[in-house]
Amino acid sequence: MELWQTLAISAAIVIVVAVVAWLIYERNRTRHLRERFGPEYDRRTAALGDRRRAESELAKSEMRVEKVKVRPLSTSDHMRFMEEWKLCQIRFVDDPAGAVDEADHIVTDIMRTRGYAVDDPYDRVADVCAAYPNHASAFREANEVVGRHHRGDASTEDLRRAFVNFRALFDEMLGGQDEKLKRVS
């Protein structure tokens, strides 16, 4: 066999190995993002109509959240947010719209206190989707209701659902049982 034939065969083998490695990487990346983001993966893929573009956005969101130095809430912050939420819940009976706006502000304040970027609404939604993927759909729905409310187009039932969605995220953001155990120890 001549040298050029050996080089051509070697080059073909390298190309085949590179393609196989790339396909394995892509498959693992897709699997990881599907597992990490759950329904948000499907929602983003459908919204963008391009799996690669959606995966790129999700990976960027994931990297941005991983770079955030998430701070645990101090005991005083935790108590303050719990008290604010109790007052917000009481307010819902007489002023559902005001309570939903307040719930949105409390969630935003918790994010800010924990170190997330909250000034840009897009970043806030992306951070919630990456940090709390199980609440991404509910958070999006709550934000959509807040927008409709500001346009005068949200029913009391819509506001109730938004409030419940904010409450679920609030509970998760406050750290749940794991956060309480860390503070006690």
C-alpha atoms as a PDB file:
ATOM      1  CA  MET A   1       0.000   0.000   0.000  1.00  0.00           C
ATOM      2  CA  GLU A   2       1.314   3.391  -0.919  1.00  0.00           C
ATOM      3  CA  LEU A   3       1.755   6.275   1.516  1.00  0.00           C
ATOM      4  CA  TRP A   4      -1.083   8.358   0.038  1.00  0.00           C
ATOM      5  CA  GLN A   5      -3.484   5.413   0.426  1.00  0.00           C
ATOM      6  CA  THR A   6      -2.471   4.931   4.058  1.00  0.00           C
ATOM      7  CA  LEU A   7      -2.957   8.649   4.697  1.00  0.00           C
ATOM      8  CA  ALA A   8      -6.375   8.641   2.997  1.00  0.00           C
ATOM      9  CA  ILE A   9      -7.537   5.651   5.028  1.00  0.00           C
ATOM     10  CA  SER A  10      -6.217   7.247   8.238  1.00  0.00           C
ATOM     11  CA  ALA A  11      -7.973  10.520   7.423  1.00  0.00           C
ATOM     12  CA  ALA A  12     -11.233   8.687   6.724  1.00  0.00           C
ATOM     13  CA  ILE A  13     -10.967   6.851  10.056  1.00  0.00           C
ATOM     14  CA  VAL A  14     -10.312  10.135  11.903  1.00  0.00           C
ATOM     15  CA  ILE A  15     -13.342  11.722  10.223  1.00  0.00           C
ATOM     16  CA  VAL A  16     -15.586   8.771  11.078  1.00  0.00           C
ATOM     17  CA  VAL A  17     -14.414   8.799  14.716  1.00  0.00           C
ATOM     18  CA  ALA A  18     -14.966  12.576  14.916  1.00  0.00           C
ATOM     19  CA  VAL A  19     -18.498  12.267  13.496  1.00  0.00           C
ATOM     20  CA  VAL A  20     -19.367   9.451  15.903  1.00  0.00           C
ATOM     21  CA  ALA A  21     -17.942  11.436  18.834  1.00  0.00           C
ATOM     22  CA  TRP A  22     -19.966  14.499  17.774  1.00  0.00           C
ATOM     23  CA  LEU A  23     -23.174  12.452  17.499  1.00  0.00           C
ATOM     24  CA  ILE A  24     -22.607  10.960  20.961  1.00  0.00           C
ATOM     25  CA  TYR A  25     -21.933  14.434  22.378  1.00  0.00           C
ATOM     26  CA  GLU A  26     -25.112  15.826  20.791  1.00  0.00           C
ATOM     27  CA  ARG A  27     -27.213  12.912  22.047  1.00  0.00           C
ATOM     28  CA  ASN A  28     -25.851  13.273  25.593  1.00  0.00           C
ATOM     29  CA  ARG A  29     -26.355  17.051  25.519  1.00  0.00           C
ATOM     30  CA  THR A  30     -29.955  16.640  24.379  1.00  0.00           C
ATOM     31  CA  ARG A  31     -30.613  14.004  27.052  1.00  0.00           C
ATOM     32  CA  HIS A  32     -29.054  16.205  29.749  1.00  0.00           C
ATOM     33  CA  LEU A  33     -31.068  19.279  28.737  1.00  0.00           C
ATOM     34  CA  ARG A  34     -34.316  17.275  28.513  1.00  0.00           C
ATOM     35  CA  GLU A  35     -33.751  15.870  31.992  1.00  0.00           C
ATOM     36  CA  ARG A  36     -32.670  19.219  33.442  1.00  0.00           C
ATOM     37  CA  PHE A  37     -35.420  21.384  31.965  1.00  0.00           C
ATOM     38  CA  GLY A  38     -38.270  18.889  31.552  1.00  0.00           C
ATOM     39  CA  PRO A  39     -41.336  20.504  29.943  1.00  0.00           C
ATOM     40  CA  GLU A  40     -39.417  23.754  29.444  1.00  0.00           C
ATOM     41  CA  TYR A  41     -37.206  21.928  26.912  1.00  0.00           C
ATOM     42  CA  ASP A  42     -40.251  20.994  24.824  1.00  0.00           C
ATOM     43  CA  ARG A  43     -41.811  24.436  25.210  1.00  0.00           C
ATOM     44  CA  ARG A  44     -38.633  26.221  24.102  1.00  0.00           C
ATOM     45  CA  THR A  45     -38.096  23.836  21.183  1.00  0.00           C
ATOM     46  CA  ALA A  46     -41.671  24.319  19.988  1.00  0.00           C
ATOM     47  CA  ALA A  47     -41.500  28.103  20.440  1.00  0.00           C
ATOM     48  CA  LEU A  48     -38.281  28.444  18.465  1.00  0.00           C
ATOM     49  CA  GLY A  49     -39.004  25.692  15.954  1.00  0.00           C
ATOM     50  CA  ASP A  50     -35.346  24.683  16.010  1.00  0.00           C
ATOM     51  CA  ARG A  51     -33.972  22.089  18.428  1.00  0.00           C
ATOM     52  CA  ARG A  52     -30.357  23.251  18.147  1.00  0.00           C
ATOM     53  CA  ARG A  53     -31.257  26.878  18.783  1.00  0.00           C
ATOM     54  CA  ALA A  54     -33.450  25.933  21.740  1.00  0.00           C
ATOM     55  CA  GLU A  55     -30.698  23.750  23.195  1.00  0.00           C
ATOM     56  CA  SER A  56     -28.213  26.566  22.746  1.00  0.00           C
ATOM     57  CA  GLU A  57     -30.461  28.976  24.663  1.00  0.00           C
ATOM     58  CA  LEU A  58     -31.113  26.450  27.414  1.00  0.00           C
ATOM     59  CA  ALA A  59     -27.397  25.685  27.754  1.00  0.00           C
ATOM     60  CA  LYS A  60     -26.638  29.423  28.009  1.00  0.00           C
ATOM     61  CA  SER A  61     -29.303  29.813  30.701  1.00  0.00           C
ATOM     62  CA  GLU A  62     -27.887  26.859  32.579  1.00  0.00           C
ATOM     63  CA  MET A  63     -24.342  28.261  32.400  1.00  0.00           C
ATOM     64  CA  ARG A  64     -25.484  31.722  33.534  1.00  0.00           C
ATOM     65  CA  VAL A  65     -27.285  30.265  36.566  1.00  0.00           C
ATOM     66  CA  GLU A  66     -24.299  28.056  37.398  1.00  0.00           C
ATOM     67  CA  LYS A  67     -22.114  31.183  37.481  1.00  0.00           C
ATOM     68  CA  VAL A  68     -24.444  32.897  39.957  1.00  0.00           C
ATOM     69  CA  LYS A  69     -23.173  32.600  43.465  1.00  0.00           C
ATOM     70  CA  VAL A  70     -26.534  31.740  44.970  1.00  0.00           C
ATOM     71  CA  ARG A  71     -26.600  32.923  48.542  1.00  0.00           C
ATOM     72  CA  PRO A  72     -28.657  31.127  51.141  1.00  0.00           C
ATOM     73  CA  LEU A  73     -31.163  33.321  52.875  1.00  0.00           C
ATOM     74  CA  SER A  74     -30.233  34.487  56.330  1.00  0.00           C
ATOM     75  CA  THR A  75     -32.618  33.650  59.130  1.00  0.00           C
ATOM     76  CA  SER A  76     -33.770  37.272  59.238  1.00  0.00           C
ATOM     77  CA  ASP A  77     -34.376  37.336  55.458  1.00  0.00           C
ATOM     78  CA  HIS A  78     -36.249  34.064  55.672  1.00  0.00           C
ATOM     79  CA  MET A  79     -38.454  35.376  58.483  1.00  0.00           C
ATOM     80  CA  ARG A  80     -39.032  38.668  56.644  1.00  0.00           C
ATOM     81  CA  PHE A  81     -40.116  36.915  53.442  1.00  0.00           C
ATOM     82  CA  MET A  82     -42.361  34.528  55.376  1.00  0.00           C
ATOM     83  CA  GLU A  83     -44.052  37.485  57.072  1.00  0.00           C
ATOM     84  CA  GLU A  84     -44.418  39.372  53.784  1.00  0.00           C
ATOM     85  CA  TRP A  85     -45.997  36.291  52.226  1.00  0.00           C
ATOM     86  CA  LYS A  86     -48.448  35.844  55.105  1.00  0.00           C
ATOM     87  CA  LEU A  87     -49.587  39.456  54.682  1.00  0.00           C
ATOM     88  CA  CYS A  88     -49.789  38.977  50.917  1.00  0.00           C
ATOM     89  CA  GLN A  89     -51.956  35.888  51.350  1.00  0.00           C
ATOM     90  CA  ILE A  90     -54.285  37.753  53.695  1.00  0.00           C
ATOM     91  CA  ARG A  91     -54.510  40.573  51.150  1.00  0.00           C
ATOM     92  CA  PHE A  92     -55.668  38.161  48.441  1.00  0.00           C
ATOM     93  CA  VAL A  93     -59.154  37.916  49.971  1.00  0.00           C
ATOM     94  CA  ASP A  94     -59.898  41.634  49.522  1.00  0.00           C
ATOM     95  CA  ASP A  95     -57.539  42.509  46.668  1.00  0.00           C
ATOM     96  CA  PRO A  96     -56.572  39.528  44.470  1.00  0.00           C
ATOM     97  CA  ALA A  97     -54.918  41.696  41.820  1.00  0.00           C
ATOM     98  CA  GLY A  98     -52.842  43.602  44.361  1.00  0.00           C
ATOM     99  CA  ALA A  99     -51.861  40.365  46.095  1.00  0.00           C
ATOM    100  CA  VAL A 100     -50.674  38.830  42.810  1.00  0.00           C
ATOM    101  CA  ASP A 101     -48.578  41.931  42.055  1.00  0.00           C
ATOM    102  CA  GLU A 102     -47.162  41.764  45.563  1.00  0.00           C
ATOM    103  CA  ALA A 103     -46.441  38.018  45.203  1.00  0.00           C
ATOM    104  CA  ASP A 104     -44.511  38.788  42.019  1.00  0.00           C
ATOM    105  CA  HIS A 105     -42.510  41.453  43.880  1.00  0.00           C
ATOM    106  CA  ILE A 106     -41.763  39.092  46.778  1.00  0.00           C
ATOM    107  CA  VAL A 107     -40.496  36.388  44.411  1.00  0.00           C
ATOM    108  CA  THR A 108     -38.367  39.007  42.640  1.00  0.00           C
ATOM    109  CA  ASP A 109     -36.966  40.234  45.969  1.00  0.00           C
ATOM    110  CA  ILE A 110     -36.057  36.695  46.991  1.00  0.00           C
ATOM    111  CA  MET A 111     -34.248  36.195  43.689  1.00  0.00           C
ATOM    112  CA  ARG A 112     -32.373  39.461  44.139  1.00  0.00           C
ATOM    113  CA  THR A 113     -31.434  38.578  47.725  1.00  0.00           C
ATOM    114  CA  ARG A 114     -30.197  35.151  46.655  1.00  0.00           C
ATOM    115  CA  GLY A 115     -28.032  36.708  43.906  1.00  0.00           C
ATOM    116  CA  TYR A 116     -29.984  36.271  40.672  1.00  0.00           C
ATOM    117  CA  ALA A 117     -30.289  38.919  37.962  1.00  0.00           C
ATOM    118  CA  VAL A 118     -33.822  40.289  38.118  1.00  0.00           C
ATOM    119  CA  ASP A 119     -33.746  43.657  36.397  1.00  0.00           C
ATOM    120  CA  ASP A 120     -34.306  42.229  32.911  1.00  0.00           C
ATOM    121  CA  PRO A 121     -37.608  40.281  32.781  1.00  0.00           C
ATOM    122  CA  TYR A 122     -36.189  37.908  30.144  1.00  0.00           C
ATOM    123  CA  ASP A 123     -33.195  37.072  32.376  1.00  0.00           C
ATOM    124  CA  ARG A 124     -35.493  36.605  35.356  1.00  0.00           C
ATOM    125  CA  VAL A 125     -37.650  34.097  33.486  1.00  0.00           C
ATOM    126  CA  ALA A 126     -34.574  32.342  32.070  1.00  0.00           C
ATOM    127  CA  ASP A 127     -33.023  32.117  35.549  1.00  0.00           C
ATOM    128  CA  VAL A 128     -36.207  30.686  37.055  1.00  0.00           C
ATOM    129  CA  CYS A 129     -36.380  28.166  34.209  1.00  0.00           C
ATOM    130  CA  ALA A 130     -32.767  27.098  34.774  1.00  0.00           C
ATOM    131  CA  ALA A 131     -32.704  27.209  38.588  1.00  0.00           C
ATOM    132  CA  TYR A 132     -36.229  25.908  39.226  1.00  0.00           C
ATOM    133  CA  PRO A 133     -37.168  23.987  36.075  1.00  0.00           C
ATOM    134  CA  ASN A 134     -40.093  22.233  37.759  1.00  0.00           C
ATOM    135  CA  HIS A 135     -41.736  25.629  38.236  1.00  0.00           C
ATOM    136  CA  ALA A 136     -40.891  27.137  34.839  1.00  0.00           C
ATOM    137  CA  SER A 137     -44.287  26.589  33.210  1.00  0.00           C
ATOM    138  CA  ALA A 138     -46.173  27.786  36.273  1.00  0.00           C
ATOM    139  CA  PHE A 139     -43.961  30.876  36.529  1.00  0.00           C
ATOM    140  CA  ARG A 140     -44.514  31.688  32.871  1.00  0.00           C
ATOM    141  CA  GLU A 141     -48.268  31.270  33.345  1.00  0.00           C
ATOM    142  CA  ALA A 142     -48.214  33.529  36.424  1.00  0.00           C
ATOM    143  CA  ASN A 143     -46.276  36.201  34.521  1.00  0.00           C
ATOM    144  CA  GLU A 144     -48.708  35.958  31.611  1.00  0.00           C
ATOM    145  CA  VAL A 145     -51.627  36.480  34.019  1.00  0.00           C
ATOM    146  CA  VAL A 146     -49.864  39.499  35.551  1.00  0.00           C
ATOM    147  CA  GLY A 147     -49.518  40.967  32.061  1.00  0.00           C
ATOM    148  CA  ARG A 148     -53.177  40.307  31.272  1.00  0.00           C
ATOM    149  CA  HIS A 149     -54.166  41.801  34.620  1.00  0.00           C
ATOM    150  CA  HIS A 150     -52.284  45.007  33.801  1.00  0.00           C
ATOM    151  CA  ARG A 151     -54.231  45.153  30.530  1.00  0.00           C
ATOM    152  CA  GLY A 152     -57.466  44.610  32.485  1.00  0.00           C
ATOM    153  CA  ASP A 153     -58.028  41.140  31.051  1.00  0.00           C
ATOM    154  CA  ALA A 154     -57.604  38.676  33.955  1.00  0.00           C
ATOM    155  CA  SER A 155     -60.388  37.025  35.906  1.00  0.00           C
ATOM    156  CA  THR A 156     -60.286  36.351  39.628  1.00  0.00           C
ATOM    157  CA  GLU A 157     -59.751  32.670  38.824  1.00  0.00           C
ATOM    158  CA  ASP A 158     -56.759  33.607  36.646  1.00  0.00           C
ATOM    159  CA  LEU A 159     -55.367  35.664  39.519  1.00  0.00           C
ATOM    160  CA  ARG A 160     -55.919  32.775  41.940  1.00  0.00           C
ATOM    161  CA  ARG A 161     -54.008  30.374  39.663  1.00  0.00           C
ATOM    162  CA  ALA A 162     -51.181  32.905  39.300  1.00  0.00           C
ATOM    163  CA  PHE A 163     -51.047  33.335  43.062  1.00  0.00           C
ATOM    164  CA  VAL A 164     -50.876  29.558  43.591  1.00  0.00           C
ATOM    165  CA  ASN A 165     -48.074  29.351  41.008  1.00  0.00           C
ATOM    166  CA  PHE A 166     -46.139  32.126  42.731  1.00  0.00           C
ATOM    167  CA  ARG A 167     -46.692  30.339  46.056  1.00  0.00           C
ATOM    168  CA  ALA A 168     -45.178  27.088  44.773  1.00  0.00           C
ATOM    169  CA  LEU A 169     -42.131  28.955  43.480  1.00  0.00           C
ATOM    170  CA  PHE A 170     -41.927  30.969  46.713  1.00  0.00           C
ATOM    171  CA  ASP A 171     -41.805  27.736  48.738  1.00  0.00           C
ATOM    172  CA  GLU A 172     -39.077  26.309  46.507  1.00  0.00           C
ATOM    173  CA  MET A 173     -37.034  29.525  46.554  1.00  0.00           C
ATOM    174  CA  LEU A 174     -37.170  29.803  50.299  1.00  0.00           C
ATOM    175  CA  GLY A 175     -35.277  26.575  50.311  1.00  0.00           C
ATOM    176  CA  GLY A 176     -37.761  24.103  51.634  1.00  0.00           C
ATOM    177  CA  GLN A 177     -36.683  21.527  54.174  1.00  0.00           C
ATOM    178  CA  ASP A 178     -33.047  21.305  52.975  1.00  0.00           C
ATOM    179  CA  GLU A 179     -32.512  25.030  53.558  1.00  0.00           C
ATOM    180  CA  LYS A 180     -34.038  24.777  57.059  1.00  0.00           C
ATOM    181  CA  LEU A 181     -31.712  21.894  57.913  1.00  0.00           C
ATOM    182  CA  LYS A 182     -28.671  23.879  56.734  1.00  0.00           C
ATOM    183  CA  ARG A 183     -29.645  26.856  58.900  1.00  0.00           C
ATOM    184  CA  VAL A 184     -30.175  24.668  61.979  1.00  0.00           C
ATOM    185  CA  SER A 185     -26.842  22.848  61.669  1.00  0.00           C
END
